Amino acid sequence: MRIVTLGEYRNLMHAFTSGHIGVAEFEAGYQRLRQDDSSTRPEEITRILDEVSRALGQPDLAARVTIALRTLDALRHGA
């Protein structure tokens, strides 16, 4: 276990939503990050990351990851 930064999650989500990596690579990378992550996060962030976890394997994965990424960006920028 290690401390996984939100930036690592964001970078992976961005790579997926921008088409740089495919579904299989995203899902494997995301599962690896979640398994490795020993960070304690605010409830709102945990809820967003959990939502992406629930979206894995679903046909609307890209849409749900896009929403999660936008939400994380809004939180980061204080919107």
N, C-alpha and C. Protein backbone atom coordinates (compact mmCIF):
# COMPACT_ATOMS: atom_id res chain seq x y z
N MET A 1 0.84 -1.18 0.00
CA MET A 1 0.00 0.00 0.00
C MET A 1 0.89 1.25 0.00
N ARG A 2 0.36 2.28 -0.58
CA ARG A 2 1.08 3.55 -0.65
C ARG A 2 0.06 4.68 -0.73
N ILE A 3 0.54 5.87 -0.59
CA ILE A 3 -0.33 7.04 -0.74
C ILE A 3 -0.42 7.36 -2.23
N VAL A 4 -1.59 7.20 -2.78
CA VAL A 4 -1.85 7.53 -4.18
C VAL A 4 -2.41 8.95 -4.22
N THR A 5 -1.84 9.78 -5.04
CA THR A 5 -2.30 11.17 -5.12
C THR A 5 -3.55 11.28 -5.99
N LEU A 6 -4.33 12.31 -5.74
CA LEU A 6 -5.48 12.56 -6.61
C LEU A 6 -5.02 12.85 -8.03
N GLY A 7 -3.82 13.41 -8.17
CA GLY A 7 -3.27 13.68 -9.49
C GLY A 7 -3.09 12.40 -10.30
N GLU A 8 -2.73 11.31 -9.64
CA GLU A 8 -2.60 10.03 -10.35
C GLU A 8 -3.95 9.57 -10.88
N TYR A 9 -4.99 9.70 -10.07
CA TYR A 9 -6.33 9.36 -10.53
C TYR A 9 -6.74 10.27 -11.68
N ARG A 10 -6.54 11.57 -11.51
CA ARG A 10 -6.92 12.53 -12.54
C ARG A 10 -6.19 12.27 -13.85
N ASN A 11 -4.87 12.00 -13.77
CA ASN A 11 -4.10 11.74 -14.99
C ASN A 11 -4.63 10.52 -15.73
N LEU A 12 -4.95 9.46 -14.97
CA LEU A 12 -5.48 8.25 -15.59
C LEU A 12 -6.84 8.52 -16.22
N MET A 13 -7.71 9.22 -15.50
CA MET A 13 -9.03 9.55 -16.04
C MET A 13 -8.90 10.41 -17.30
N HIS A 14 -8.00 11.37 -17.26
CA HIS A 14 -7.81 12.25 -18.41
C HIS A 14 -7.30 11.46 -19.61
N ALA A 15 -6.34 10.57 -19.38
CA ALA A 15 -5.81 9.75 -20.48
C ALA A 15 -6.93 8.93 -21.12
N PHE A 16 -7.83 8.42 -20.30
CA PHE A 16 -8.95 7.62 -20.81
C PHE A 16 -9.96 8.48 -21.55
N THR A 17 -10.40 9.57 -20.93
CA THR A 17 -11.45 10.38 -21.56
C THR A 17 -10.95 11.11 -22.80
N SER A 18 -9.65 11.30 -22.92
CA SER A 18 -9.11 11.96 -24.11
C SER A 18 -8.71 10.95 -25.19
N GLY A 19 -8.90 9.67 -24.91
CA GLY A 19 -8.64 8.64 -25.92
C GLY A 19 -7.22 8.15 -26.00
N HIS A 20 -6.37 8.54 -25.06
CA HIS A 20 -4.97 8.09 -25.09
C HIS A 20 -4.81 6.65 -24.65
N ILE A 21 -5.74 6.16 -23.83
CA ILE A 21 -5.73 4.76 -23.43
C ILE A 21 -7.14 4.20 -23.60
N GLY A 22 -7.23 2.90 -23.75
CA GLY A 22 -8.53 2.26 -23.94
C GLY A 22 -9.16 1.83 -22.63
N VAL A 23 -10.31 1.20 -22.76
CA VAL A 23 -11.10 0.77 -21.60
C VAL A 23 -10.31 -0.22 -20.74
N ALA A 24 -9.74 -1.24 -21.36
CA ALA A 24 -9.03 -2.28 -20.59
C ALA A 24 -7.86 -1.69 -19.81
N GLU A 25 -7.10 -0.82 -20.44
CA GLU A 25 -5.95 -0.22 -19.76
C GLU A 25 -6.41 0.69 -18.63
N PHE A 26 -7.50 1.45 -18.86
CA PHE A 26 -8.02 2.31 -17.81
C PHE A 26 -8.50 1.47 -16.62
N GLU A 27 -9.30 0.46 -16.91
CA GLU A 27 -9.85 -0.35 -15.82
C GLU A 27 -8.75 -1.02 -15.00
N ALA A 28 -7.74 -1.57 -15.68
CA ALA A 28 -6.64 -2.21 -14.97
C ALA A 28 -5.87 -1.19 -14.13
N GLY A 29 -5.59 -0.03 -14.71
CA GLY A 29 -4.86 1.01 -13.99
C GLY A 29 -5.64 1.55 -12.82
N TYR A 30 -6.95 1.73 -13.00
CA TYR A 30 -7.78 2.26 -11.93
C TYR A 30 -7.87 1.27 -10.78
N GLN A 31 -8.08 0.00 -11.09
CA GLN A 31 -8.14 -1.02 -10.05
C GLN A 31 -6.83 -1.11 -9.29
N ARG A 32 -5.72 -0.98 -10.00
CA ARG A 32 -4.40 -1.02 -9.37
C ARG A 32 -4.24 0.17 -8.41
N LEU A 33 -4.63 1.36 -8.86
CA LEU A 33 -4.54 2.53 -7.98
C LEU A 33 -5.39 2.35 -6.73
N ARG A 34 -6.62 1.88 -6.89
CA ARG A 34 -7.50 1.71 -5.73
C ARG A 34 -6.95 0.68 -4.76
N GLN A 35 -6.37 -0.40 -5.28
CA GLN A 35 -5.81 -1.43 -4.41
C GLN A 35 -4.58 -0.92 -3.67
N ASP A 36 -3.79 -0.09 -4.33
CA ASP A 36 -2.55 0.43 -3.74
C ASP A 36 -2.80 1.59 -2.78
N ASP A 37 -3.95 2.23 -2.89
CA ASP A 37 -4.22 3.50 -2.20
C ASP A 37 -4.48 3.30 -0.71
N SER A 38 -3.61 3.90 0.10
CA SER A 38 -3.80 3.86 1.56
C SER A 38 -4.17 5.24 2.10
N SER A 39 -4.49 6.17 1.21
CA SER A 39 -4.82 7.53 1.61
C SER A 39 -6.17 7.61 2.31
N THR A 40 -6.25 8.52 3.26
CA THR A 40 -7.52 8.88 3.87
C THR A 40 -7.98 10.16 3.17
N ARG A 41 -9.18 10.11 2.62
CA ARG A 41 -9.67 11.24 1.83
C ARG A 41 -10.99 11.76 2.41
N PRO A 42 -11.31 13.01 2.09
CA PRO A 42 -12.62 13.54 2.48
C PRO A 42 -13.72 12.68 1.85
N GLU A 43 -14.86 12.63 2.52
CA GLU A 43 -15.98 11.80 2.07
C GLU A 43 -16.39 12.09 0.63
N GLU A 44 -16.41 13.35 0.25
CA GLU A 44 -16.83 13.73 -1.10
C GLU A 44 -15.89 13.13 -2.16
N ILE A 45 -14.59 13.15 -1.90
CA ILE A 45 -13.61 12.58 -2.83
C ILE A 45 -13.77 11.07 -2.88
N THR A 46 -13.93 10.45 -1.73
CA THR A 46 -14.12 8.99 -1.68
C THR A 46 -15.35 8.59 -2.46
N ARG A 47 -16.42 9.35 -2.33
CA ARG A 47 -17.66 9.05 -3.06
C ARG A 47 -17.43 9.10 -4.57
N ILE A 48 -16.68 10.08 -5.05
CA ILE A 48 -16.39 10.21 -6.47
C ILE A 48 -15.57 9.01 -6.95
N LEU A 49 -14.54 8.65 -6.20
CA LEU A 49 -13.69 7.52 -6.59
C LEU A 49 -14.47 6.21 -6.55
N ASP A 50 -15.36 6.06 -5.57
CA ASP A 50 -16.20 4.87 -5.49
C ASP A 50 -17.15 4.78 -6.68
N GLU A 51 -17.66 5.91 -7.11
CA GLU A 51 -18.56 5.94 -8.26
C GLU A 51 -17.83 5.43 -9.51
N VAL A 52 -16.60 5.84 -9.69
CA VAL A 52 -15.83 5.34 -10.83
C VAL A 52 -15.61 3.84 -10.69
N SER A 53 -15.32 3.37 -9.49
CA SER A 53 -15.15 1.93 -9.27
C SER A 53 -16.41 1.17 -9.67
N ARG A 54 -17.57 1.69 -9.32
CA ARG A 54 -18.83 1.04 -9.67
C ARG A 54 -19.10 1.08 -11.17
N ALA A 55 -18.51 2.05 -11.87
CA ALA A 55 -18.72 2.19 -13.31
C ALA A 55 -17.87 1.22 -14.13
N LEU A 56 -16.84 0.64 -13.51
CA LEU A 56 -15.97 -0.28 -14.26
C LEU A 56 -16.81 -1.42 -14.83
N GLY A 57 -16.59 -1.72 -16.10
CA GLY A 57 -17.31 -2.79 -16.76
C GLY A 57 -18.69 -2.40 -17.26
N GLN A 58 -19.10 -1.16 -17.03
CA GLN A 58 -20.42 -0.69 -17.46
C GLN A 58 -20.32 0.01 -18.81
N PRO A 59 -21.40 -0.05 -19.60
CA PRO A 59 -21.36 0.58 -20.93
C PRO A 59 -21.21 2.10 -20.91
N ASP A 60 -21.59 2.74 -19.80
CA ASP A 60 -21.49 4.20 -19.70
C ASP A 60 -20.23 4.64 -18.95
N LEU A 61 -19.21 3.79 -18.94
CA LEU A 61 -17.98 4.09 -18.20
C LEU A 61 -17.40 5.44 -18.59
N ALA A 62 -17.24 5.70 -19.87
CA ALA A 62 -16.61 6.95 -20.31
C ALA A 62 -17.38 8.17 -19.81
N ALA A 63 -18.70 8.12 -19.88
CA ALA A 63 -19.51 9.25 -19.42
C ALA A 63 -19.35 9.45 -17.92
N ARG A 64 -19.34 8.37 -17.17
CA ARG A 64 -19.23 8.48 -15.72
C ARG A 64 -17.84 8.94 -15.30
N VAL A 65 -16.82 8.52 -16.02
CA VAL A 65 -15.46 8.99 -15.71
C VAL A 65 -15.34 10.48 -16.05
N THR A 66 -15.95 10.89 -17.15
CA THR A 66 -15.93 12.31 -17.52
C THR A 66 -16.58 13.16 -16.43
N ILE A 67 -17.71 12.72 -15.91
CA ILE A 67 -18.38 13.45 -14.83
C ILE A 67 -17.50 13.49 -13.59
N ALA A 68 -16.89 12.36 -13.24
CA ALA A 68 -16.01 12.31 -12.07
C ALA A 68 -14.83 13.27 -12.23
N LEU A 69 -14.24 13.28 -13.41
CA LEU A 69 -13.09 14.15 -13.66
C LEU A 69 -13.49 15.62 -13.56
N ARG A 70 -14.63 15.96 -14.13
CA ARG A 70 -15.11 17.36 -14.05
C ARG A 70 -15.40 17.75 -12.60
N THR A 71 -15.96 16.83 -11.84
CA THR A 71 -16.27 17.11 -10.44
C THR A 71 -14.99 17.31 -9.63
N LEU A 72 -14.00 16.45 -9.86
CA LEU A 72 -12.70 16.62 -9.18
C LEU A 72 -12.06 17.95 -9.56
N ASP A 73 -12.14 18.31 -10.84
CA ASP A 73 -11.58 19.58 -11.29
C ASP A 73 -12.29 20.75 -10.63
N ALA A 74 -13.59 20.67 -10.51
CA ALA A 74 -14.36 21.75 -9.88
C ALA A 74 -13.97 21.89 -8.41
N LEU A 75 -13.82 20.77 -7.72
CA LEU A 75 -13.41 20.82 -6.32
C LEU A 75 -12.01 21.40 -6.18
N ARG A 76 -11.14 21.02 -7.09
CA ARG A 76 -9.76 21.50 -7.05
C ARG A 76 -9.68 23.01 -7.25
N HIS A 77 -10.58 23.52 -8.10
CA HIS A 77 -10.56 24.94 -8.40
C HIS A 77 -11.55 25.75 -7.57
N GLY A 78 -12.15 25.09 -6.60
CA GLY A 78 -13.02 25.79 -5.66
C GLY A 78 -14.36 26.19 -6.20
N ALA A 79 -14.80 25.53 -7.26
CA ALA A 79 -16.11 25.89 -7.85
C ALA A 79 -17.25 25.27 -7.08
